[in-house]
C-alpha atoms as a PDB file:
ATOM      1  CA  MET A   1     -14.205 -28.101 -33.543  1.00  0.00           C
ATOM      2  CA  ASN A   2     -17.582 -29.756 -34.162  1.00  0.00           C
ATOM      3  CA  TRP A   3     -17.423 -31.950 -37.313  1.00  0.00           C
ATOM      4  CA  VAL A   4     -13.738 -30.930 -37.653  1.00  0.00           C
ATOM      5  CA  SER A   5     -11.359 -32.681 -35.257  1.00  0.00           C
ATOM      6  CA  GLY A   6     -11.459 -36.397 -36.016  1.00  0.00           C
ATOM      7  CA  ALA A   7      -9.054 -39.215 -35.273  1.00  0.00           C
ATOM      8  CA  ASP A   8      -6.519 -38.258 -37.954  1.00  0.00           C
ATOM      9  CA  LEU A   9      -6.118 -34.685 -36.727  1.00  0.00           C
ATOM     10  CA  THR A  10      -6.168 -35.710 -33.071  1.00  0.00           C
ATOM     11  CA  ALA A  11      -3.418 -38.290 -33.571  1.00  0.00           C
ATOM     12  CA  ALA A  12      -1.334 -35.972 -35.762  1.00  0.00           C
ATOM     13  CA  VAL A  13      -1.334 -33.256 -33.094  1.00  0.00           C
ATOM     14  CA  SER A  14      -0.436 -35.719 -30.328  1.00  0.00           C
ATOM     15  CA  ASN A  15       2.302 -37.323 -32.415  1.00  0.00           C
ATOM     16  CA  ALA A  16       3.803 -33.869 -32.966  1.00  0.00           C
ATOM     17  CA  GLY A  17       3.983 -33.181 -29.232  1.00  0.00           C
ATOM     18  CA  GLY A  18       0.640 -31.462 -28.610  1.00  0.00           C
ATOM     19  CA  LEU A  19      -2.498 -32.773 -26.950  1.00  0.00           C
ATOM     20  CA  GLY A  20      -4.790 -33.732 -29.816  1.00  0.00           C
ATOM     21  CA  THR A  21      -8.456 -33.365 -28.956  1.00  0.00           C
ATOM     22  CA  LEU A  22     -11.272 -35.384 -30.517  1.00  0.00           C
ATOM     23  CA  GLY A  23     -14.212 -33.098 -31.239  1.00  0.00           C
ATOM     24  CA  PRO A  24     -17.982 -33.661 -31.233  1.00  0.00           C
ATOM     25  CA  ASN A  25     -19.313 -35.589 -34.266  1.00  0.00           C
ATOM     26  CA  ALA A  26     -15.790 -36.680 -35.151  1.00  0.00           C
ATOM     27  CA  GLY A  27     -15.734 -38.871 -38.229  1.00  0.00           C
ATOM     28  CA  ALA A  28     -19.473 -38.471 -38.819  1.00  0.00           C
ATOM     29  CA  GLU A  29     -20.826 -38.719 -42.373  1.00  0.00           C
ATOM     30  CA  SER A  30     -24.375 -37.707 -41.488  1.00  0.00           C
ATOM     31  CA  ILE A  31     -26.511 -36.075 -38.802  1.00  0.00           C
ATOM     32  CA  VAL A  32     -27.827 -38.733 -36.431  1.00  0.00           C
ATOM     33  CA  GLU A  33     -29.729 -37.935 -33.229  1.00  0.00           C
ATOM     34  CA  ALA A  34     -29.822 -41.453 -31.755  1.00  0.00           C
ATOM     35  CA  VAL A  35     -27.728 -41.387 -28.567  1.00  0.00           C
ATOM     36  CA  GLU A  36     -26.404 -44.949 -28.842  1.00  0.00           C
ATOM     37  CA  LEU A  37     -25.377 -44.525 -32.481  1.00  0.00           C
ATOM     38  CA  THR A  38     -23.573 -41.218 -31.966  1.00  0.00           C
ATOM     39  CA  GLY A  39     -21.869 -42.707 -28.923  1.00  0.00           C
ATOM     40  CA  GLU A  40     -20.611 -45.714 -30.857  1.00  0.00           C
ATOM     41  CA  ARG A  41     -19.293 -43.441 -33.604  1.00  0.00           C
ATOM     42  CA  THR A  42     -17.282 -41.636 -30.964  1.00  0.00           C
ATOM     43  CA  ARG A  43     -16.029 -44.966 -29.597  1.00  0.00           C
ATOM     44  CA  GLU A  44     -14.803 -45.928 -33.075  1.00  0.00           C
ATOM     45  CA  GLN A  45     -12.946 -42.629 -33.363  1.00  0.00           C
ATOM     46  CA  ILE A  46     -11.310 -43.072 -29.951  1.00  0.00           C
ATOM     47  CA  ARG A  47     -10.093 -46.532 -30.928  1.00  0.00           C
ATOM     48  CA  ARG A  48      -8.781 -45.191 -34.228  1.00  0.00           C
ATOM     49  CA  VAL A  49      -6.810 -42.504 -32.365  1.00  0.00           C
ATOM     50  CA  LYS A  50      -5.241 -45.231 -30.239  1.00  0.00           C
ATOM     51  CA  ARG A  51      -4.211 -47.114 -33.362  1.00  0.00           C
ATOM     52  CA  LEU A  52      -2.598 -43.985 -34.809  1.00  0.00           C
ATOM     53  CA  THR A  53      -0.725 -42.791 -31.717  1.00  0.00           C
ATOM     54  CA  ASP A  54       0.549 -44.009 -28.375  1.00  0.00           C
ATOM     55  CA  LYS A  55       0.655 -40.430 -27.044  1.00  0.00           C
ATOM     56  CA  PRO A  56      -1.889 -38.836 -24.678  1.00  0.00           C
ATOM     57  CA  PHE A  57      -4.963 -37.274 -26.272  1.00  0.00           C
ATOM     58  CA  ALA A  58      -8.236 -35.700 -25.153  1.00  0.00           C
ATOM     59  CA  VAL A  59     -11.930 -35.912 -25.965  1.00  0.00           C
ATOM     60  CA  ASN A  60     -14.140 -32.835 -25.861  1.00  0.00           C
ATOM     61  CA  VAL A  61     -17.422 -33.268 -24.007  1.00  0.00           C
ATOM     62  CA  MET A  62     -20.083 -30.692 -23.198  1.00  0.00           C
ATOM     63  CA  ALA A  63     -21.298 -30.713 -19.599  1.00  0.00           C
ATOM     64  CA  GLY A  64     -24.708 -30.808 -21.214  1.00  0.00           C
ATOM     65  CA  PHE A  65     -28.256 -29.588 -20.638  1.00  0.00           C
ATOM     66  CA  GLY A  66     -31.631 -30.181 -22.211  1.00  0.00           C
ATOM     67  CA  GLU A  67     -31.490 -32.303 -25.352  1.00  0.00           C
ATOM     68  CA  LEU A  68     -27.681 -32.424 -25.186  1.00  0.00           C
ATOM     69  CA  LEU A  69     -27.553 -34.129 -21.788  1.00  0.00           C
ATOM     70  CA  PRO A  70     -28.104 -37.769 -22.915  1.00  0.00           C
ATOM     71  CA  HIS A  71     -25.368 -37.379 -25.552  1.00  0.00           C
ATOM     72  CA  SER A  72     -22.958 -35.904 -22.997  1.00  0.00           C
ATOM     73  CA  GLN A  73     -23.668 -38.670 -20.511  1.00  0.00           C
ATOM     74  CA  LYS A  74     -23.051 -41.301 -23.189  1.00  0.00           C
ATOM     75  CA  THR A  75     -19.770 -39.672 -24.196  1.00  0.00           C
ATOM     76  CA  VAL A  76     -18.559 -39.662 -20.584  1.00  0.00           C
ATOM     77  CA  GLU A  77     -19.511 -43.312 -20.146  1.00  0.00           C
ATOM     78  CA  LEU A  78     -17.569 -44.467 -23.182  1.00  0.00           C
ATOM     79  CA  MET A  79     -14.590 -42.226 -22.309  1.00  0.00           C
ATOM     80  CA  ILE A  80     -14.368 -44.106 -19.035  1.00  0.00           C
ATOM     81  CA  GLU A  81     -14.836 -47.483 -20.742  1.00  0.00           C
ATOM     82  CA  GLU A  82     -12.173 -46.686 -23.343  1.00  0.00           C
ATOM     83  CA  ARG A  83      -9.778 -45.175 -20.780  1.00  0.00           C
ATOM     84  CA  VAL A  84      -9.330 -41.841 -22.508  1.00  0.00           C
ATOM     85  CA  PRO A  85      -6.423 -39.978 -20.844  1.00  0.00           C
ATOM     86  CA  VAL A  86      -7.852 -36.432 -20.820  1.00  0.00           C
ATOM     87  CA  ALA A  87     -11.268 -34.739 -20.981  1.00  0.00           C
ATOM     88  CA  VAL A  88     -11.816 -31.180 -22.192  1.00  0.00           C
ATOM     89  CA  VAL A  89     -15.166 -30.176 -20.688  1.00  0.00           C
ATOM     90  CA  SER A  90     -17.081 -27.131 -21.889  1.00  0.00           C
ATOM     91  CA  VAL A  91     -20.525 -25.504 -21.919  1.00  0.00           C
ATOM     92  CA  GLY A  92     -21.689 -26.184 -18.386  1.00  0.00           C
ATOM     93  CA  ARG A  93     -20.850 -26.492 -14.714  1.00  0.00           C
ATOM     94  CA  PRO A  94     -17.497 -27.962 -13.620  1.00  0.00           C
ATOM     95  CA  ASP A  95     -19.041 -30.200 -10.959  1.00  0.00           C
ATOM     96  CA  VAL A  96     -21.173 -32.296 -13.342  1.00  0.00           C
ATOM     97  CA  TYR A  97     -18.632 -34.886 -14.531  1.00  0.00           C
ATOM     98  CA  THR A  98     -15.304 -33.979 -12.880  1.00  0.00           C
ATOM     99  CA  GLU A  99     -15.456 -36.433  -9.978  1.00  0.00           C
ATOM    100  CA  MET A 100     -16.688 -39.284 -12.177  1.00  0.00           C
ATOM    101  CA  LEU A 101     -13.961 -38.719 -14.764  1.00  0.00           C
ATOM    102  CA  GLN A 102     -11.171 -38.341 -12.235  1.00  0.00           C
ATOM    103  CA  GLU A 103     -12.194 -41.495 -10.393  1.00  0.00           C
ATOM    104  CA  ALA A 104     -11.564 -43.263 -13.702  1.00  0.00           C
ATOM    105  CA  GLY A 105      -8.083 -41.740 -13.910  1.00  0.00           C
ATOM    106  CA  ILE A 106      -8.990 -39.103 -16.497  1.00  0.00           C
ATOM    107  CA  LYS A 107      -7.464 -35.625 -16.245  1.00  0.00           C
ATOM    108  CA  VAL A 108     -10.046 -32.839 -16.558  1.00  0.00           C
ATOM    109  CA  LEU A 109      -9.549 -29.484 -18.276  1.00  0.00           C
ATOM    110  CA  HIS A 110     -12.591 -27.239 -17.874  1.00  0.00           C
ATOM    111  CA  ALA A 111     -13.342 -24.281 -20.171  1.00  0.00           C
ATOM    112  CA  VAL A 112     -14.055 -20.939 -18.474  1.00  0.00           C
ATOM    113  CA  SER A 113     -14.714 -17.380 -19.631  1.00  0.00           C
ATOM    114  CA  THR A 114     -14.256 -15.444 -16.359  1.00  0.00           C
ATOM    115  CA  ALA A 115     -11.991 -15.583 -13.318  1.00  0.00           C
ATOM    116  CA  ARG A 116     -15.059 -16.381 -11.189  1.00  0.00           C
ATOM    117  CA  HIS A 117     -15.773 -19.420 -13.337  1.00  0.00           C
ATOM    118  CA  ALA A 118     -12.125 -20.460 -12.975  1.00  0.00           C
ATOM    119  CA  LYS A 119     -12.344 -20.297  -9.171  1.00  0.00           C
ATOM    120  CA  ASN A 120     -15.502 -22.419  -9.237  1.00  0.00           C
ATOM    121  CA  ALA A 121     -13.788 -24.951 -11.483  1.00  0.00           C
ATOM    122  CA  GLU A 122     -10.773 -25.116  -9.164  1.00  0.00           C
ATOM    123  CA  LYS A 123     -13.114 -25.619  -6.210  1.00  0.00           C
ATOM    124  CA  ALA A 124     -14.810 -28.457  -8.107  1.00  0.00           C
ATOM    125  CA  GLY A 125     -11.402 -30.142  -8.358  1.00  0.00           C
ATOM    126  CA  VAL A 126     -10.559 -29.870 -12.066  1.00  0.00           C
ATOM    127  CA  ASP A 127      -6.936 -30.437 -13.033  1.00  0.00           C
ATOM    128  CA  ALA A 128      -6.622 -27.290 -15.164  1.00  0.00           C
ATOM    129  CA  VAL A 129      -8.741 -24.476 -16.570  1.00  0.00           C
ATOM    130  CA  LEU A 130      -8.946 -23.478 -20.199  1.00  0.00           C
ATOM    131  CA  CYS A 131      -9.505 -19.725 -20.691  1.00  0.00           C
ATOM    132  CA  GLU A 132     -11.780 -18.995 -23.649  1.00  0.00           C
ATOM    133  CA  GLY A 133     -11.096 -15.433 -24.732  1.00  0.00           C
ATOM    134  CA  TYR A 134     -13.665 -13.424 -26.678  1.00  0.00           C
ATOM    135  CA  GLU A 135     -11.569 -13.940 -29.828  1.00  0.00           C
ATOM    136  CA  SER A 136     -12.198 -17.683 -29.794  1.00  0.00           C
ATOM    137  CA  GLY A 137     -14.332 -19.438 -32.369  1.00  0.00           C
ATOM    138  CA  GLY A 138     -17.526 -21.411 -31.986  1.00  0.00           C
ATOM    139  CA  HIS A 139     -19.708 -21.232 -28.906  1.00  0.00           C
ATOM    140  CA  LYS A 140     -18.595 -19.204 -25.914  1.00  0.00           C
ATOM    141  CA  GLY A 141     -19.991 -17.330 -22.932  1.00  0.00           C
ATOM    142  CA  LEU A 142     -21.780 -13.992 -23.026  1.00  0.00           C
ATOM    143  CA  THR A 143     -18.818 -12.148 -21.519  1.00  0.00           C
ATOM    144  CA  GLU A 144     -16.500 -10.087 -23.714  1.00  0.00           C
ATOM    145  CA  LEU A 145     -13.222 -10.646 -21.876  1.00  0.00           C
ATOM    146  CA  THR A 146     -10.412 -10.983 -24.399  1.00  0.00           C
ATOM    147  CA  THR A 147      -7.564 -13.475 -24.089  1.00  0.00           C
ATOM    148  CA  LEU A 148      -5.222 -10.574 -23.267  1.00  0.00           C
ATOM    149  CA  VAL A 149      -7.315  -9.639 -20.227  1.00  0.00           C
ATOM    150  CA  LEU A 150      -8.843 -12.970 -19.192  1.00  0.00           C
ATOM    151  CA  THR A 151      -5.612 -14.982 -19.016  1.00  0.00           C
ATOM    152  CA  PRO A 152      -3.802 -12.902 -16.368  1.00  0.00           C
ATOM    153  CA  MET A 153      -7.046 -12.551 -14.389  1.00  0.00           C
ATOM    154  CA  VAL A 154      -7.407 -16.315 -14.231  1.00  0.00           C
ATOM    155  CA  ALA A 155      -3.686 -16.871 -13.606  1.00  0.00           C
ATOM    156  CA  ASP A 156      -3.955 -14.583 -10.575  1.00  0.00           C
ATOM    157  CA  ALA A 157      -7.156 -16.244  -9.357  1.00  0.00           C
ATOM    158  CA  VAL A 158      -6.214 -19.939  -9.307  1.00  0.00           C
ATOM    159  CA  LYS A 159      -3.300 -22.175  -8.357  1.00  0.00           C
ATOM    160  CA  ILE A 160      -3.991 -24.939 -10.897  1.00  0.00           C
ATOM    161  CA  PRO A 161      -2.520 -24.829 -14.440  1.00  0.00           C
ATOM    162  CA  VAL A 162      -4.006 -22.293 -16.844  1.00  0.00           C
ATOM    163  CA  VAL A 163      -4.374 -22.929 -20.584  1.00  0.00           C
ATOM    164  CA  ALA A 164      -5.128 -19.922 -22.802  1.00  0.00           C
ATOM    165  CA  GLY A 165      -7.235 -20.073 -25.958  1.00  0.00           C
ATOM    166  CA  GLY A 166      -8.718 -17.573 -28.370  1.00  0.00           C
ATOM    167  CA  GLY A 167      -6.970 -15.757 -31.205  1.00  0.00           C
ATOM    168  CA  ILE A 168      -3.733 -17.746 -30.906  1.00  0.00           C
ATOM    169  CA  ALA A 169      -2.483 -18.890 -34.305  1.00  0.00           C
ATOM    170  CA  ASP A 170       1.317 -18.565 -34.320  1.00  0.00           C
ATOM    171  CA  ALA A 171       4.439 -18.397 -32.153  1.00  0.00           C
ATOM    172  CA  ARG A 172       3.754 -14.769 -31.233  1.00  0.00           C
ATOM    173  CA  GLY A 173       0.415 -15.724 -29.729  1.00  0.00           C
ATOM    174  CA  VAL A 174       1.943 -18.608 -27.796  1.00  0.00           C
ATOM    175  CA  LEU A 175       4.684 -16.438 -26.328  1.00  0.00           C
ATOM    176  CA  ALA A 176       2.175 -13.715 -25.470  1.00  0.00           C
ATOM    177  CA  ALA A 177      -0.010 -16.248 -23.642  1.00  0.00           C
ATOM    178  CA  MET A 178       2.988 -17.435 -21.621  1.00  0.00           C
ATOM    179  CA  ALA A 179       3.835 -13.843 -20.718  1.00  0.00           C
ATOM    180  CA  LEU A 180       0.249 -13.406 -19.503  1.00  0.00           C
ATOM    181  CA  GLY A 181       0.633 -16.328 -17.111  1.00  0.00           C
ATOM    182  CA  ALA A 182      -0.578 -19.288 -19.153  1.00  0.00           C
ATOM    183  CA  ASP A 183       1.038 -22.706 -18.749  1.00  0.00           C
ATOM    184  CA  GLY A 184      -0.108 -23.830 -22.178  1.00  0.00           C
ATOM    185  CA  VAL A 185      -2.252 -22.811 -25.139  1.00  0.00           C
ATOM    186  CA  TYR A 186      -5.318 -24.293 -26.802  1.00  0.00           C
ATOM    187  CA  MET A 187      -5.684 -23.755 -30.550  1.00  0.00           C
ATOM    188  CA  GLY A 188      -8.666 -24.677 -32.694  1.00  0.00           C
ATOM    189  CA  THR A 189      -8.997 -22.521 -35.803  1.00  0.00           C
ATOM    190  CA  ARG A 190      -5.351 -22.916 -36.820  1.00  0.00           C
ATOM    191  CA  PHE A 191      -5.796 -26.689 -36.916  1.00  0.00           C
ATOM    192  CA  MET A 192      -9.055 -26.472 -38.873  1.00  0.00           C
ATOM    193  CA  VAL A 193      -6.862 -25.406 -41.771  1.00  0.00           C
ATOM    194  CA  THR A 194      -4.616 -28.465 -41.866  1.00  0.00           C
ATOM    195  CA  ARG A 195      -4.516 -31.463 -44.170  1.00  0.00           C
ATOM    196  CA  GLU A 196      -5.690 -33.788 -41.386  1.00  0.00           C
ATOM    197  CA  SER A 197      -8.686 -31.629 -40.490  1.00  0.00           C
ATOM    198  CA  GLU A 198     -12.111 -32.951 -41.492  1.00  0.00           C
ATOM    199  CA  SER A 199     -13.179 -29.469 -42.599  1.00  0.00           C
ATOM    200  CA  HIS A 200     -14.266 -29.419 -46.221  1.00  0.00           C
ATOM    201  CA  GLU A 201     -11.655 -27.998 -48.605  1.00  0.00           C
ATOM    202  CA  ARG A 202     -14.015 -25.115 -49.438  1.00  0.00           C
ATOM    203  CA  VAL A 203     -14.096 -24.168 -45.748  1.00  0.00           C
ATOM    204  CA  LYS A 204     -10.315 -24.260 -45.534  1.00  0.00           C
ATOM    205  CA  GLU A 205     -10.070 -22.051 -48.619  1.00  0.00           C
ATOM    206  CA  PHE A 206     -12.555 -19.558 -47.182  1.00  0.00           C
ATOM    207  CA  ILE A 207     -10.536 -19.267 -43.966  1.00  0.00           C
ATOM    208  CA  VAL A 208      -7.221 -18.881 -45.794  1.00  0.00           C
ATOM    209  CA  ASN A 209      -8.783 -16.130 -47.921  1.00  0.00           C
ATOM    210  CA  GLY A 210     -10.214 -14.396 -44.847  1.00  0.00           C
ATOM    211  CA  GLN A 211      -8.377 -11.252 -43.836  1.00  0.00           C
ATOM    212  CA  ASP A 212      -8.507  -8.684 -41.072  1.00  0.00           C
ATOM    213  CA  ALA A 213     -11.967  -8.579 -39.412  1.00  0.00           C
ATOM    214  CA  CYS A 214     -13.228 -11.694 -41.204  1.00  0.00           C
ATOM    215  CA  THR A 215     -15.210 -13.076 -38.239  1.00  0.00           C
ATOM    216  CA  VAL A 216     -18.229 -11.851 -36.311  1.00  0.00           C
ATOM    217  CA  SER A 217     -19.971 -12.772 -33.050  1.00  0.00           C
ATOM    218  CA  ILE A 218     -23.634 -13.717 -33.298  1.00  0.00           C
ATOM    219  CA  SER A 219     -26.088 -14.248 -30.456  1.00  0.00           C
ATOM    220  CA  LYS A 220     -27.679 -17.630 -29.872  1.00  0.00           C
ATOM    221  CA  GLY A 221     -29.613 -16.498 -26.832  1.00  0.00           C
ATOM    222  CA  PHE A 222     -27.888 -18.243 -23.934  1.00  0.00           C
ATOM    223  CA  MET A 223     -24.440 -17.898 -25.527  1.00  0.00           C
ATOM    224  CA  LEU A 224     -22.472 -16.259 -28.313  1.00  0.00           C
ATOM    225  CA  ALA A 225     -20.827 -17.871 -31.305  1.00  0.00           C
ATOM    226  CA  ARG A 226     -17.985 -16.539 -33.428  1.00  0.00           C
ATOM    227  CA  ASP A 227     -18.249 -17.401 -37.109  1.00  0.00           C
ATOM    228  CA  LEU A 228     -16.550 -16.566 -40.380  1.00  0.00           C
ATOM    229  CA  ARG A 229     -18.420 -13.746 -42.109  1.00  0.00           C
ATOM    230  CA  ASN A 230     -20.551 -15.069 -44.958  1.00  0.00           C
ATOM    231  CA  GLY A 231     -24.140 -15.284 -46.143  1.00  0.00           C
ATOM    232  CA  PHE A 232     -25.095 -17.282 -43.038  1.00  0.00           C
ATOM    233  CA  THR A 233     -23.950 -14.600 -40.580  1.00  0.00           C
ATOM    234  CA  GLU A 234     -25.598 -11.860 -42.649  1.00  0.00           C
ATOM    235  CA  LYS A 235     -28.917 -13.732 -42.659  1.00  0.00           C
ATOM    236  CA  HIS A 236     -28.606 -14.543 -38.943  1.00  0.00           C
ATOM    237  CA  GLN A 237     -28.031 -10.897 -38.027  1.00  0.00           C
ATOM    238  CA  GLU A 238     -30.901  -9.835 -40.277  1.00  0.00           C
ATOM    239  CA  LEU A 239     -33.312 -12.248 -38.593  1.00  0.00           C
ATOM    240  CA  THR A 240     -32.033 -11.320 -35.118  1.00  0.00           C
ATOM    241  CA  GLN A 241     -32.670  -7.631 -35.782  1.00  0.00           C
ATOM    242  CA  ALA A 242     -36.149  -8.453 -37.047  1.00  0.00           C
ATOM    243  CA  GLY A 243     -36.985  -9.432 -33.474  1.00  0.00           C
ATOM    244  CA  ASN A 244     -39.783 -11.961 -33.887  1.00  0.00           C
ATOM    245  CA  ALA A 245     -38.100 -14.532 -36.111  1.00  0.00           C
ATOM    246  CA  GLN A 246     -37.264 -17.435 -33.798  1.00  0.00           C
ATOM    247  CA  VAL A 247     -38.720 -20.079 -36.111  1.00  0.00           C
ATOM    248  CA  GLU A 248     -36.709 -18.757 -39.051  1.00  0.00           C
ATOM    249  CA  LEU A 249     -33.547 -18.592 -36.918  1.00  0.00           C
ATOM    250  CA  MET A 250     -33.928 -22.179 -35.771  1.00  0.00           C
ATOM    251  CA  GLU A 251     -34.441 -23.315 -39.355  1.00  0.00           C
ATOM    252  CA  LEU A 252     -31.364 -21.361 -40.474  1.00  0.00           C
ATOM    253  CA  MET A 253     -29.157 -22.944 -37.796  1.00  0.00           C
ATOM    254  CA  LYS A 254     -30.467 -26.505 -38.088  1.00  0.00           C
ATOM    255  CA  GLY A 255     -27.665 -28.648 -39.473  1.00  0.00           C
ATOM    256  CA  SER A 256     -25.804 -25.572 -40.695  1.00  0.00           C
ATOM    257  CA  GLN A 257     -22.390 -26.538 -39.305  1.00  0.00           C
ATOM    258  CA  PHE A 258     -22.704 -29.953 -40.943  1.00  0.00           C
ATOM    259  CA  ARG A 259     -23.588 -28.380 -44.290  1.00  0.00           C
ATOM    260  CA  ALA A 260     -20.495 -26.190 -44.124  1.00  0.00           C
ATOM    261  CA  GLN A 261     -17.910 -28.553 -42.675  1.00  0.00           C
ATOM    262  CA  HIS A 262     -19.018 -31.775 -44.395  1.00  0.00           C
ATOM    263  CA  LEU A 263     -20.851 -30.693 -47.543  1.00  0.00           C
ATOM    264  CA  GLY A 264     -18.730 -27.630 -48.295  1.00  0.00           C
ATOM    265  CA  GLN A 265     -21.580 -25.120 -48.448  1.00  0.00           C
ATOM    266  CA  ALA A 266     -19.207 -22.429 -47.218  1.00  0.00           C
ATOM    267  CA  GLU A 267     -20.998 -19.443 -48.728  1.00  0.00           C
ATOM    268  CA  ASP A 268     -24.257 -19.740 -46.793  1.00  0.00           C
ATOM    269  CA  SER A 269     -23.694 -22.124 -43.850  1.00  0.00           C
ATOM    270  CA  GLU A 270     -22.159 -21.632 -40.410  1.00  0.00           C
ATOM    271  CA  ILE A 271     -18.363 -21.807 -40.192  1.00  0.00           C
ATOM    272  CA  CYS A 272     -17.342 -21.542 -36.547  1.00  0.00           C
ATOM    273  CA  CYS A 273     -13.841 -20.082 -36.262  1.00  0.00           C
ATOM    274  CA  GLY A 274     -11.873 -17.584 -34.210  1.00  0.00           C
ATOM    275  CA  GLN A 275     -10.302 -14.245 -35.027  1.00  0.00           C
ATOM    276  CA  GLY A 276      -7.021 -16.029 -35.636  1.00  0.00           C
ATOM    277  CA  ALA A 277      -8.460 -16.918 -39.054  1.00  0.00           C
ATOM    278  CA  GLY A 278      -7.048 -13.653 -40.382  1.00  0.00           C
ATOM    279  CA  LEU A 279      -3.535 -14.844 -39.536  1.00  0.00           C
ATOM    280  CA  ILE A 280      -3.729 -18.126 -41.463  1.00  0.00           C
ATOM    281  CA  GLU A 281      -2.207 -18.004 -44.933  1.00  0.00           C
ATOM    282  CA  SER A 282      -1.815 -21.631 -45.995  1.00  0.00           C
ATOM    283  CA  ILE A 283      -2.948 -25.222 -45.538  1.00  0.00           C
ATOM    284  CA  GLY A 284      -0.270 -27.488 -44.091  1.00  0.00           C
ATOM    285  CA  GLY A 285       0.118 -30.546 -41.933  1.00  0.00           C
ATOM    286  CA  ALA A 286      -0.679 -30.426 -38.215  1.00  0.00           C
ATOM    287  CA  GLY A 287       2.869 -31.483 -37.399  1.00  0.00           C
ATOM    288  CA  GLU A 288       4.250 -28.695 -39.573  1.00  0.00           C
ATOM    289  CA  VAL A 289       2.125 -26.144 -37.707  1.00  0.00           C
ATOM    290  CA  ILE A 290       3.454 -27.286 -34.335  1.00  0.00           C
ATOM    291  CA  GLU A 291       7.044 -27.470 -35.578  1.00  0.00           C
ATOM    292  CA  THR A 292       6.853 -23.946 -37.001  1.00  0.00           C
ATOM    293  CA  ILE A 293       5.443 -22.555 -33.768  1.00  0.00           C
ATOM    294  CA  THR A 294       7.802 -24.309 -31.367  1.00  0.00           C
ATOM    295  CA  GLY A 295      10.784 -23.756 -33.664  1.00  0.00           C
ATOM    296  CA  GLY A 296      10.142 -20.032 -33.780  1.00  0.00           C
ATOM    297  CA  LEU A 297       9.797 -19.454 -30.040  1.00  0.00           C
ATOM    298  CA  ALA A 298      13.512 -19.202 -29.207  1.00  0.00           C
ATOM    299  CA  ASP A 299      14.252 -16.608 -31.921  1.00  0.00           C
ATOM    300  CA  LEU A 300      11.145 -14.658 -30.975  1.00  0.00           C
ATOM    301  CA  LEU A 301      12.134 -14.685 -27.312  1.00  0.00           C
ATOM    302  CA  ASN A 302      15.584 -13.353 -28.200  1.00  0.00           C
ATOM    303  CA  GLN A 303      14.020 -10.542 -30.237  1.00  0.00           C
ATOM    304  CA  ILE A 304      11.789  -9.584 -27.330  1.00  0.00           C
ATOM    305  CA  ARG A 305      14.700  -9.723 -24.904  1.00  0.00           C
ATOM    306  CA  ASP A 306      16.574  -7.245 -27.120  1.00  0.00           C
ATOM    307  CA  ARG A 307      13.533  -4.952 -27.301  1.00  0.00           C
ATOM    308  CA  VAL A 308      13.074  -5.020 -23.554  1.00  0.00           C
ATOM    309  CA  HIS A 309      16.779  -4.264 -23.049  1.00  0.00           C
ATOM    310  CA  GLU A 310      16.454  -1.237 -25.354  1.00  0.00           C
ATOM    311  CA  PHE A 311      13.266  -0.136 -23.616  1.00  0.00           C
ATOM    312  CA  ILE A 312      14.746  -0.069 -20.113  1.00  0.00           C
ATOM    313  CA  GLN A 313      17.972   1.695 -21.115  1.00  0.00           C
END
């Protein structure tokens, strides 16, 4: 949810009964690499969330490596200073920030893509694991375990709460995740296409118009990314197949998410989103999305109960 999930969306989700999550570069109007400046922008967004809701919310932070590490460290510092209730930690080891965050009273959800990773996260003391199925959008691991397979594997492997994510966009997906052993669900793409989302209107329109197999996974070397199919993904795959085009690839990716999400260059810039994009048909409010999903669960459960009864007769 880079450049997408700002204070307005985070607060709207929390106010509707979910756990709104503030994403990287929330509220940003430009690309800035200075660690202190990006950190203070995040602090402003956290304080805005607190003004908009008195409910719990989370901040997403990458465990960090290389050039990302100073930014991650700054985000963790200000999360502690601002007493953020929950941290969603991704892209890295579970033992980097868990102890520091928990000592400050912050609950830690750590993203995993295999049962082995989930066990390591549990051993590191995280409060819950977040399963990232292969259907999920944005950056993910190199494994190809789908939500359908990964969730029960993780549920069997750990004793801490399990949150399922990847391809979930409606009540059917939520109920399926619960049947697989999940204690909760984590949804990104569905909330990109809401009024409170900071995604550019062109991006929202592109996702709503996407149907069927409208996303594709592309390799970024140490990880995969799932994006909406467009000129960017075509060019990326072309350069990847060329073999010796690292400079061109880096130039293509530089600032591409910002150009899509903030500037609306949806035709030829990177739009990270999951396979659930093909299930989204309209742009509504975040609260409406949650109400529709939770309101439909009881009827859906009754329908399934009837089907199961017929099946076993």
